[in-house]
Amino acid sequence: LAKPIVEGLPYTEAEVVYAVRHELAS
């Protein structure tokens, strides 16, 4: 999950999981 999710930006796949689990992103 440490893999970057968007090329050129620092965001990781873990941040997508976090957004779903803790921020109710759907």
PDB file of all heavy atoms in Angstrom:
ATOM      1  N   LEU A   1       0.807  -1.218   0.000  1.00  0.00           N
ATOM      2  CA  LEU A   1       0.000   0.000   0.000  1.00  0.00           C
ATOM      3  C   LEU A   1       0.844   1.273   0.000  1.00  0.00           C
ATOM      4  O   LEU A   1       0.313   2.374  -0.136  1.00  0.00           O
ATOM      5  CB  LEU A   1      -0.960   0.016   1.193  1.00  0.00           C
ATOM      6  CG  LEU A   1      -2.077  -1.017   1.163  1.00  0.00           C
ATOM      7  CD1 LEU A   1      -2.884  -0.950   2.449  1.00  0.00           C
ATOM      8  CD2 LEU A   1      -2.973  -0.814  -0.049  1.00  0.00           C
ATOM      9  N   ALA A   2       2.159   1.145   0.114  1.00  0.00           N
ATOM     10  CA  ALA A   2       3.039   2.313   0.053  1.00  0.00           C
ATOM     11  C   ALA A   2       3.237   2.787  -1.388  1.00  0.00           C
ATOM     12  O   ALA A   2       3.786   3.860  -1.624  1.00  0.00           O
ATOM     13  CB  ALA A   2       4.394   1.990   0.681  1.00  0.00           C
ATOM     14  N   LYS A   3       2.754   2.015  -2.336  1.00  0.00           N
ATOM     15  CA  LYS A   3       2.902   2.355  -3.758  1.00  0.00           C
ATOM     16  C   LYS A   3       2.145   3.649  -4.072  1.00  0.00           C
ATOM     17  O   LYS A   3       0.995   3.817  -3.651  1.00  0.00           O
ATOM     18  CB  LYS A   3       2.363   1.206  -4.609  1.00  0.00           C
ATOM     19  CG  LYS A   3       2.501   1.421  -6.087  1.00  0.00           C
ATOM     20  CD  LYS A   3       1.965   0.227  -6.858  1.00  0.00           C
ATOM     21  CE  LYS A   3       2.065   0.495  -8.346  1.00  0.00           C
ATOM     22  NZ  LYS A   3       1.383  -0.516  -9.125  1.00  0.00           N
ATOM     23  N   PRO A   4       2.772   4.549  -4.822  1.00  0.00           N
ATOM     24  CA  PRO A   4       2.059   5.776  -5.222  1.00  0.00           C
ATOM     25  C   PRO A   4       0.813   5.441  -6.043  1.00  0.00           C
ATOM     26  O   PRO A   4       0.824   4.520  -6.849  1.00  0.00           O
ATOM     27  CB  PRO A   4       3.076   6.521  -6.080  1.00  0.00           C
ATOM     28  CG  PRO A   4       4.405   5.980  -5.660  1.00  0.00           C
ATOM     29  CD  PRO A   4       4.152   4.544  -5.287  1.00  0.00           C
ATOM     30  N   ILE A   5      -0.243   6.208  -5.833  1.00  0.00           N
ATOM     31  CA  ILE A   5      -1.502   5.954  -6.537  1.00  0.00           C
ATOM     32  C   ILE A   5      -1.633   6.815  -7.786  1.00  0.00           C
ATOM     33  O   ILE A   5      -2.224   6.399  -8.774  1.00  0.00           O
ATOM     34  CB  ILE A   5      -2.732   6.132  -5.605  1.00  0.00           C
ATOM     35  CG1 ILE A   5      -4.001   5.598  -6.249  1.00  0.00           C
ATOM     36  CG2 ILE A   5      -2.909   7.561  -5.152  1.00  0.00           C
ATOM     37  CD1 ILE A   5      -4.082   4.109  -6.349  1.00  0.00           C
ATOM     38  N   VAL A   6      -1.065   8.022  -7.776  1.00  0.00           N
ATOM     39  CA  VAL A   6      -1.141   8.936  -8.921  1.00  0.00           C
ATOM     40  C   VAL A   6       0.280   9.349  -9.284  1.00  0.00           C
ATOM     41  O   VAL A   6       0.995   9.923  -8.457  1.00  0.00           O
ATOM     42  CB  VAL A   6      -1.984  10.191  -8.598  1.00  0.00           C
ATOM     43  CG1 VAL A   6      -2.013  11.152  -9.782  1.00  0.00           C
ATOM     44  CG2 VAL A   6      -3.402   9.806  -8.185  1.00  0.00           C
ATOM     45  N   GLU A   7       0.660   9.059 -10.505  1.00  0.00           N
ATOM     46  CA  GLU A   7       2.014   9.383 -10.954  1.00  0.00           C
ATOM     47  C   GLU A   7       2.303  10.876 -10.768  1.00  0.00           C
ATOM     48  O   GLU A   7       1.500  11.733 -11.133  1.00  0.00           O
ATOM     49  CB  GLU A   7       2.176   9.014 -12.430  1.00  0.00           C
ATOM     50  CG  GLU A   7       3.577   9.218 -12.942  1.00  0.00           C
ATOM     51  CD  GLU A   7       3.733   8.823 -14.393  1.00  0.00           C
ATOM     52  OE1 GLU A   7       2.893   8.081 -14.934  1.00  0.00           O
ATOM     53  OE2 GLU A   7       4.719   9.274 -14.987  1.00  0.00           O
ATOM     54  N   GLY A   8       3.448  11.153 -10.149  1.00  0.00           N
ATOM     55  CA  GLY A   8       3.876  12.529  -9.951  1.00  0.00           C
ATOM     56  C   GLY A   8       3.397  13.177  -8.675  1.00  0.00           C
ATOM     57  O   GLY A   8       3.792  14.297  -8.363  1.00  0.00           O
ATOM     58  N   LEU A   9       2.548  12.496  -7.928  1.00  0.00           N
ATOM     59  CA  LEU A   9       2.048  13.031  -6.658  1.00  0.00           C
ATOM     60  C   LEU A   9       2.453  12.088  -5.529  1.00  0.00           C
ATOM     61  O   LEU A   9       2.631  10.895  -5.753  1.00  0.00           O
ATOM     62  CB  LEU A   9       0.524  13.179  -6.692  1.00  0.00           C
ATOM     63  CG  LEU A   9      -0.028  14.185  -7.701  1.00  0.00           C
ATOM     64  CD1 LEU A   9      -1.556  14.198  -7.654  1.00  0.00           C
ATOM     65  CD2 LEU A   9       0.513  15.578  -7.445  1.00  0.00           C
ATOM     66  N   PRO A  10       2.567  12.603  -4.314  1.00  0.00           N
ATOM     67  CA  PRO A  10       3.070  11.784  -3.205  1.00  0.00           C
ATOM     68  C   PRO A  10       2.049  10.849  -2.563  1.00  0.00           C
ATOM     69  O   PRO A  10       2.374  10.141  -1.617  1.00  0.00           O
ATOM     70  CB  PRO A  10       3.550  12.826  -2.194  1.00  0.00           C
ATOM     71  CG  PRO A  10       2.669  14.003  -2.434  1.00  0.00           C
ATOM     72  CD  PRO A  10       2.424  14.006  -3.927  1.00  0.00           C
ATOM     73  N   TYR A  11       0.842  10.821  -3.050  1.00  0.00           N
ATOM     74  CA  TYR A  11      -0.205  10.031  -2.414  1.00  0.00           C
ATOM     75  C   TYR A  11      -0.034   8.542  -2.680  1.00  0.00           C
ATOM     76  O   TYR A  11       0.336   8.139  -3.764  1.00  0.00           O
ATOM     77  CB  TYR A  11      -1.581  10.510  -2.880  1.00  0.00           C
ATOM     78  CG  TYR A  11      -1.756  11.972  -2.613  1.00  0.00           C
ATOM     79  CD1 TYR A  11      -1.625  12.894  -3.635  1.00  0.00           C
ATOM     80  CD2 TYR A  11      -1.978  12.432  -1.327  1.00  0.00           C
ATOM     81  CE1 TYR A  11      -1.746  14.248  -3.392  1.00  0.00           C
ATOM     82  CE2 TYR A  11      -2.094  13.781  -1.066  1.00  0.00           C
ATOM     83  CZ  TYR A  11      -1.973  14.691  -2.099  1.00  0.00           C
ATOM     84  OH  TYR A  11      -2.079  16.031  -1.844  1.00  0.00           O
ATOM     85  N   THR A  12      -0.356   7.738  -1.663  1.00  0.00           N
ATOM     86  CA  THR A  12      -0.169   6.292  -1.736  1.00  0.00           C
ATOM     87  C   THR A  12      -1.513   5.564  -1.787  1.00  0.00           C
ATOM     88  O   THR A  12      -2.559   6.148  -1.482  1.00  0.00           O
ATOM     89  CB  THR A  12       0.604   5.784  -0.504  1.00  0.00           C
ATOM     90  OG1 THR A  12      -0.208   6.009   0.659  1.00  0.00           O
ATOM     91  CG2 THR A  12       1.954   6.458  -0.359  1.00  0.00           C
ATOM     92  N   GLU A  13      -1.428   4.292  -2.129  1.00  0.00           N
ATOM     93  CA  GLU A  13      -2.637   3.460  -2.106  1.00  0.00           C
ATOM     94  C   GLU A  13      -3.221   3.394  -0.697  1.00  0.00           C
ATOM     95  O   GLU A  13      -4.437   3.319  -0.526  1.00  0.00           O
ATOM     96  CB  GLU A  13      -2.329   2.074  -2.645  1.00  0.00           C
ATOM     97  CG  GLU A  13      -2.027   2.073  -4.132  1.00  0.00           C
ATOM     98  CD  GLU A  13      -1.857   0.692  -4.722  1.00  0.00           C
ATOM     99  OE1 GLU A  13      -2.038  -0.316  -3.999  1.00  0.00           O
ATOM    100  OE2 GLU A  13      -1.559   0.618  -5.928  1.00  0.00           O
ATOM    101  N   ALA A  14      -2.366   3.444   0.312  1.00  0.00           N
ATOM    102  CA  ALA A  14      -2.845   3.427   1.696  1.00  0.00           C
ATOM    103  C   ALA A  14      -3.750   4.615   1.978  1.00  0.00           C
ATOM    104  O   ALA A  14      -4.707   4.506   2.763  1.00  0.00           O
ATOM    105  CB  ALA A  14      -1.672   3.421   2.667  1.00  0.00           C
ATOM    106  N   GLU A  15      -3.489   5.730   1.332  1.00  0.00           N
ATOM    107  CA  GLU A  15      -4.314   6.906   1.552  1.00  0.00           C
ATOM    108  C   GLU A  15      -5.705   6.741   0.949  1.00  0.00           C
ATOM    109  O   GLU A  15      -6.675   7.319   1.455  1.00  0.00           O
ATOM    110  CB  GLU A  15      -3.606   8.151   1.016  1.00  0.00           C
ATOM    111  CG  GLU A  15      -2.388   8.486   1.868  1.00  0.00           C
ATOM    112  CD  GLU A  15      -1.557   9.595   1.305  1.00  0.00           C
ATOM    113  OE1 GLU A  15      -1.907  10.773   1.567  1.00  0.00           O
ATOM    114  OE2 GLU A  15      -0.562   9.293   0.609  1.00  0.00           O
ATOM    115  N   VAL A  16      -5.809   5.947  -0.093  1.00  0.00           N
ATOM    116  CA  VAL A  16      -7.123   5.627  -0.652  1.00  0.00           C
ATOM    117  C   VAL A  16      -7.883   4.762   0.353  1.00  0.00           C
ATOM    118  O   VAL A  16      -9.060   5.011   0.645  1.00  0.00           O
ATOM    119  CB  VAL A  16      -7.000   4.924  -2.014  1.00  0.00           C
ATOM    120  CG1 VAL A  16      -8.381   4.505  -2.528  1.00  0.00           C
ATOM    121  CG2 VAL A  16      -6.283   5.808  -3.022  1.00  0.00           C
ATOM    122  N   VAL A  17      -7.212   3.761   0.894  1.00  0.00           N
ATOM    123  CA  VAL A  17      -7.842   2.892   1.902  1.00  0.00           C
ATOM    124  C   VAL A  17      -8.268   3.736   3.110  1.00  0.00           C
ATOM    125  O   VAL A  17      -9.389   3.597   3.610  1.00  0.00           O
ATOM    126  CB  VAL A  17      -6.890   1.752   2.324  1.00  0.00           C
ATOM    127  CG1 VAL A  17      -7.485   0.947   3.479  1.00  0.00           C
ATOM    128  CG2 VAL A  17      -6.576   0.849   1.134  1.00  0.00           C
ATOM    129  N   TYR A  18      -7.397   4.622   3.557  1.00  0.00           N
ATOM    130  CA  TYR A  18      -7.721   5.505   4.682  1.00  0.00           C
ATOM    131  C   TYR A  18      -8.961   6.349   4.361  1.00  0.00           C
ATOM    132  O   TYR A  18      -9.858   6.503   5.202  1.00  0.00           O
ATOM    133  CB  TYR A  18      -6.530   6.405   5.015  1.00  0.00           C
ATOM    134  CG  TYR A  18      -6.830   7.402   6.094  1.00  0.00           C
ATOM    135  CD1 TYR A  18      -6.711   7.057   7.443  1.00  0.00           C
ATOM    136  CD2 TYR A  18      -7.258   8.691   5.788  1.00  0.00           C
ATOM    137  CE1 TYR A  18      -7.000   7.974   8.442  1.00  0.00           C
ATOM    138  CE2 TYR A  18      -7.557   9.609   6.780  1.00  0.00           C
ATOM    139  CZ  TYR A  18      -7.426   9.246   8.102  1.00  0.00           C
ATOM    140  OH  TYR A  18      -7.726  10.151   9.089  1.00  0.00           O
ATOM    141  N   ALA A  19      -9.005   6.909   3.146  1.00  0.00           N
ATOM    142  CA  ALA A  19     -10.144   7.745   2.759  1.00  0.00           C
ATOM    143  C   ALA A  19     -11.454   6.971   2.839  1.00  0.00           C
ATOM    144  O   ALA A  19     -12.475   7.506   3.261  1.00  0.00           O
ATOM    145  CB  ALA A  19      -9.929   8.299   1.353  1.00  0.00           C
ATOM    146  N   VAL A  20     -11.418   5.709   2.448  1.00  0.00           N
ATOM    147  CA  VAL A  20     -12.624   4.877   2.515  1.00  0.00           C
ATOM    148  C   VAL A  20     -12.974   4.546   3.958  1.00  0.00           C
ATOM    149  O   VAL A  20     -14.121   4.711   4.389  1.00  0.00           O
ATOM    150  CB  VAL A  20     -12.441   3.580   1.691  1.00  0.00           C
ATOM    151  CG1 VAL A  20     -13.604   2.626   1.905  1.00  0.00           C
ATOM    152  CG2 VAL A  20     -12.257   3.894   0.215  1.00  0.00           C
ATOM    153  N   ARG A  21     -11.999   4.092   4.708  1.00  0.00           N
ATOM    154  CA  ARG A  21     -12.269   3.609   6.067  1.00  0.00           C
ATOM    155  C   ARG A  21     -12.512   4.715   7.087  1.00  0.00           C
ATOM    156  O   ARG A  21     -13.289   4.535   8.031  1.00  0.00           O
ATOM    157  CB  ARG A  21     -11.105   2.748   6.555  1.00  0.00           C
ATOM    158  CG  ARG A  21     -10.980   1.445   5.810  1.00  0.00           C
ATOM    159  CD  ARG A  21      -9.847   0.616   6.366  1.00  0.00           C
ATOM    160  NE  ARG A  21      -9.623  -0.587   5.565  1.00  0.00           N
ATOM    161  CZ  ARG A  21      -8.638  -1.438   5.792  1.00  0.00           C
ATOM    162  NH1 ARG A  21      -7.791  -1.227   6.794  1.00  0.00           N
ATOM    163  NH2 ARG A  21      -8.499  -2.501   5.012  1.00  0.00           N
ATOM    164  N   HIS A  22     -11.858   5.855   6.936  1.00  0.00           N
ATOM    165  CA  HIS A  22     -11.919   6.889   7.973  1.00  0.00           C
ATOM    166  C   HIS A  22     -12.591   8.184   7.536  1.00  0.00           C
ATOM    167  O   HIS A  22     -12.961   9.000   8.384  1.00  0.00           O
ATOM    168  CB  HIS A  22     -10.518   7.201   8.487  1.00  0.00           C
ATOM    169  CG  HIS A  22      -9.847   6.028   9.127  1.00  0.00           C
ATOM    170  ND1 HIS A  22     -10.051   5.675  10.434  1.00  0.00           N
ATOM    171  CD2 HIS A  22      -8.993   5.098   8.622  1.00  0.00           C
ATOM    172  CE1 HIS A  22      -9.347   4.596  10.719  1.00  0.00           C
ATOM    173  NE2 HIS A  22      -8.701   4.220   9.639  1.00  0.00           N
ATOM    174  N   GLU A  23     -12.709   8.398   6.232  1.00  0.00           N
ATOM    175  CA  GLU A  23     -13.302   9.643   5.744  1.00  0.00           C
ATOM    176  C   GLU A  23     -14.594   9.396   4.962  1.00  0.00           C
ATOM    177  O   GLU A  23     -15.165  10.322   4.412  1.00  0.00           O
ATOM    178  CB  GLU A  23     -12.302  10.385   4.860  1.00  0.00           C
ATOM    179  CG  GLU A  23     -11.047  10.816   5.603  1.00  0.00           C
ATOM    180  CD  GLU A  23     -10.019  11.481   4.698  1.00  0.00           C
ATOM    181  OE1 GLU A  23     -10.041  11.242   3.464  1.00  0.00           O
ATOM    182  OE2 GLU A  23      -9.201  12.250   5.223  1.00  0.00           O
ATOM    183  N   LEU A  24     -15.021   8.144   4.897  1.00  0.00           N
ATOM    184  CA  LEU A  24     -16.266   7.736   4.249  1.00  0.00           C
ATOM    185  C   LEU A  24     -16.298   8.012   2.748  1.00  0.00           C
ATOM    186  O   LEU A  24     -17.369   8.208   2.171  1.00  0.00           O
ATOM    187  CB  LEU A  24     -17.476   8.371   4.944  1.00  0.00           C
ATOM    188  CG  LEU A  24     -17.596   8.086   6.446  1.00  0.00           C
ATOM    189  CD1 LEU A  24     -18.793   8.808   7.029  1.00  0.00           C
ATOM    190  CD2 LEU A  24     -17.665   6.599   6.720  1.00  0.00           C
ATOM    191  N   ALA A  25     -15.145   8.037   2.102  1.00  0.00           N
ATOM    192  CA  ALA A  25     -15.112   8.165   0.647  1.00  0.00           C
ATOM    193  C   ALA A  25     -15.737   6.911   0.045  1.00  0.00           C
ATOM    194  O   ALA A  25     -15.501   5.804   0.522  1.00  0.00           O
ATOM    195  CB  ALA A  25     -13.682   8.332   0.160  1.00  0.00           C
ATOM    196  N   SER A  26     -16.513   7.096  -1.023  1.00  0.00           N
ATOM    197  CA  SER A  26     -17.194   5.928  -1.586  1.00  0.00           C
ATOM    198  C   SER A  26     -17.166   5.862  -3.108  1.00  0.00           C
ATOM    199  O   SER A  26     -17.706   4.925  -3.685  1.00  0.00           O
ATOM    200  CB  SER A  26     -18.643   5.880  -1.108  1.00  0.00           C
ATOM    201  OG  SER A  26     -19.329   7.041  -1.529  1.00  0.00           O
TER     202      SER A  26
END
